[in-house]
Amino acid sequence: MTLDDFKERLNSLNLNLTEFAELTDIPYSTISKYGRSNPVPLWVPKFLDMYEKTNELDEFKLLIKELNEKLNKDS
């Protein structure tokens, strides 16, 4: 993963470098060196895939909860 790929992927997930550092418990100074003096680690793309899937599942669970509440309210 190149630096541009990494930044683009973060952007698509509405994350910035600071948030990614907090999520991964990696110092911001280390993250900011990705693609420059440090390569982007091989685990990062899979981590971001899992982050995306988790967010999708959270959104789906919220939708189900809202629909369930509406159905219970209407009955």
C-alpha atoms as a PDB file:
ATOM      1  CA  MET A   1       0.000   0.000   0.000  1.00  0.00           C
ATOM      2  CA  THR A   2       1.439   3.334  -1.020  1.00  0.00           C
ATOM      3  CA  LEU A   3       1.129   6.510   1.001  1.00  0.00           C
ATOM      4  CA  ASP A   4      -1.452   7.829  -1.474  1.00  0.00           C
ATOM      5  CA  ASP A   5      -3.444   4.577  -1.207  1.00  0.00           C
ATOM      6  CA  PHE A   6      -3.295   4.782   2.577  1.00  0.00           C
ATOM      7  CA  LYS A   7      -4.488   8.377   2.722  1.00  0.00           C
ATOM      8  CA  GLU A   8      -7.207   7.730   0.149  1.00  0.00           C
ATOM      9  CA  ARG A   9      -8.448   4.716   2.101  1.00  0.00           C
ATOM     10  CA  LEU A  10      -8.510   6.684   5.351  1.00  0.00           C
ATOM     11  CA  ASN A  11     -10.419   9.459   3.610  1.00  0.00           C
ATOM     12  CA  SER A  12     -12.970   6.994   2.223  1.00  0.00           C
ATOM     13  CA  LEU A  13     -13.544   5.788   5.791  1.00  0.00           C
ATOM     14  CA  ASN A  14     -13.799   9.348   7.136  1.00  0.00           C
ATOM     15  CA  LEU A  15     -10.666   8.859   9.209  1.00  0.00           C
ATOM     16  CA  ASN A  16      -7.633  11.066   9.578  1.00  0.00           C
ATOM     17  CA  LEU A  17      -4.135  10.120  10.713  1.00  0.00           C
ATOM     18  CA  THR A  18      -4.835  11.132  14.314  1.00  0.00           C
ATOM     19  CA  GLU A  19      -7.950   8.949  14.501  1.00  0.00           C
ATOM     20  CA  PHE A  20      -6.116   6.031  12.902  1.00  0.00           C
ATOM     21  CA  ALA A  21      -3.314   6.407  15.454  1.00  0.00           C
ATOM     22  CA  GLU A  22      -5.867   6.357  18.280  1.00  0.00           C
ATOM     23  CA  LEU A  23      -7.677   3.315  16.846  1.00  0.00           C
ATOM     24  CA  THR A  24      -4.476   1.332  16.494  1.00  0.00           C
ATOM     25  CA  ASP A  25      -2.754   2.650  19.631  1.00  0.00           C
ATOM     26  CA  ILE A  26       0.270   3.577  17.530  1.00  0.00           C
ATOM     27  CA  PRO A  27       1.987   6.917  18.072  1.00  0.00           C
ATOM     28  CA  TYR A  28       0.975   9.574  15.572  1.00  0.00           C
ATOM     29  CA  SER A  29       4.646  10.222  14.850  1.00  0.00           C
ATOM     30  CA  THR A  30       5.002   6.631  13.614  1.00  0.00           C
ATOM     31  CA  ILE A  31       1.836   6.786  11.501  1.00  0.00           C
ATOM     32  CA  SER A  32       2.908  10.074   9.944  1.00  0.00           C
ATOM     33  CA  LYS A  33       6.075   8.384   8.644  1.00  0.00           C
ATOM     34  CA  TYR A  34       4.172   5.694   6.732  1.00  0.00           C
ATOM     35  CA  GLY A  35       5.080   5.777   3.069  1.00  0.00           C
ATOM     36  CA  ARG A  36       7.974   8.125   3.731  1.00  0.00           C
ATOM     37  CA  SER A  37      10.694   6.752   5.974  1.00  0.00           C
ATOM     38  CA  ASN A  38       8.609   3.715   7.009  1.00  0.00           C
ATOM     39  CA  PRO A  39       6.603   1.545   4.607  1.00  0.00           C
ATOM     40  CA  VAL A  40       2.895   1.184   5.300  1.00  0.00           C
ATOM     41  CA  PRO A  41       2.741  -2.095   7.282  1.00  0.00           C
ATOM     42  CA  LEU A  42       1.224  -5.102   5.550  1.00  0.00           C
ATOM     43  CA  TRP A  43      -1.520  -5.439   8.173  1.00  0.00           C
ATOM     44  CA  VAL A  44      -2.954  -1.954   7.519  1.00  0.00           C
ATOM     45  CA  PRO A  45      -5.148  -2.791   4.471  1.00  0.00           C
ATOM     46  CA  LYS A  46      -6.754  -5.739   6.304  1.00  0.00           C
ATOM     47  CA  PHE A  47      -7.269  -3.630   9.419  1.00  0.00           C
ATOM     48  CA  LEU A  48      -9.016  -0.950   7.359  1.00  0.00           C
ATOM     49  CA  ASP A  49     -11.170  -3.602   5.660  1.00  0.00           C
ATOM     50  CA  MET A  50     -12.233  -4.913   9.061  1.00  0.00           C
ATOM     51  CA  TYR A  51     -12.875  -1.378  10.309  1.00  0.00           C
ATOM     52  CA  GLU A  52     -15.131  -0.749   7.320  1.00  0.00           C
ATOM     53  CA  LYS A  53     -17.056  -3.988   7.814  1.00  0.00           C
ATOM     54  CA  THR A  54     -17.501  -3.275  11.500  1.00  0.00           C
ATOM     55  CA  ASN A  55     -18.933   0.153  10.721  1.00  0.00           C
ATOM     56  CA  GLU A  56     -21.287  -1.347   8.153  1.00  0.00           C
ATOM     57  CA  LEU A  57     -22.498  -3.900  10.691  1.00  0.00           C
ATOM     58  CA  ASP A  58     -22.997  -1.187  13.308  1.00  0.00           C
ATOM     59  CA  GLU A  59     -25.083   0.821  10.843  1.00  0.00           C
ATOM     60  CA  PHE A  60     -27.106  -2.279   9.948  1.00  0.00           C
ATOM     61  CA  LYS A  61     -27.739  -3.083  13.624  1.00  0.00           C
ATOM     62  CA  LEU A  62     -28.913   0.479  14.205  1.00  0.00           C
ATOM     63  CA  LEU A  63     -31.285   0.245  11.251  1.00  0.00           C
ATOM     64  CA  ILE A  64     -32.732  -3.029  12.536  1.00  0.00           C
ATOM     65  CA  LYS A  65     -33.179  -1.519  15.995  1.00  0.00           C
ATOM     66  CA  GLU A  66     -34.972   1.522  14.564  1.00  0.00           C
ATOM     67  CA  LEU A  67     -37.249  -0.659  12.427  1.00  0.00           C
ATOM     68  CA  ASN A  68     -38.003  -2.912  15.365  1.00  0.00           C
ATOM     69  CA  GLU A  69     -38.896   0.086  17.538  1.00  0.00           C
ATOM     70  CA  LYS A  70     -41.158   1.431  14.821  1.00  0.00           C
ATOM     71  CA  LEU A  71     -42.895  -1.927  14.398  1.00  0.00           C
ATOM     72  CA  ASN A  72     -43.406  -2.258  18.152  1.00  0.00           C
ATOM     73  CA  LYS A  73     -44.729   1.291  18.338  1.00  0.00           C
ATOM     74  CA  ASP A  74     -47.205   0.686  15.500  1.00  0.00           C
ATOM     75  CA  SER A  75     -48.586  -2.544  16.971  1.00  0.00           C
END
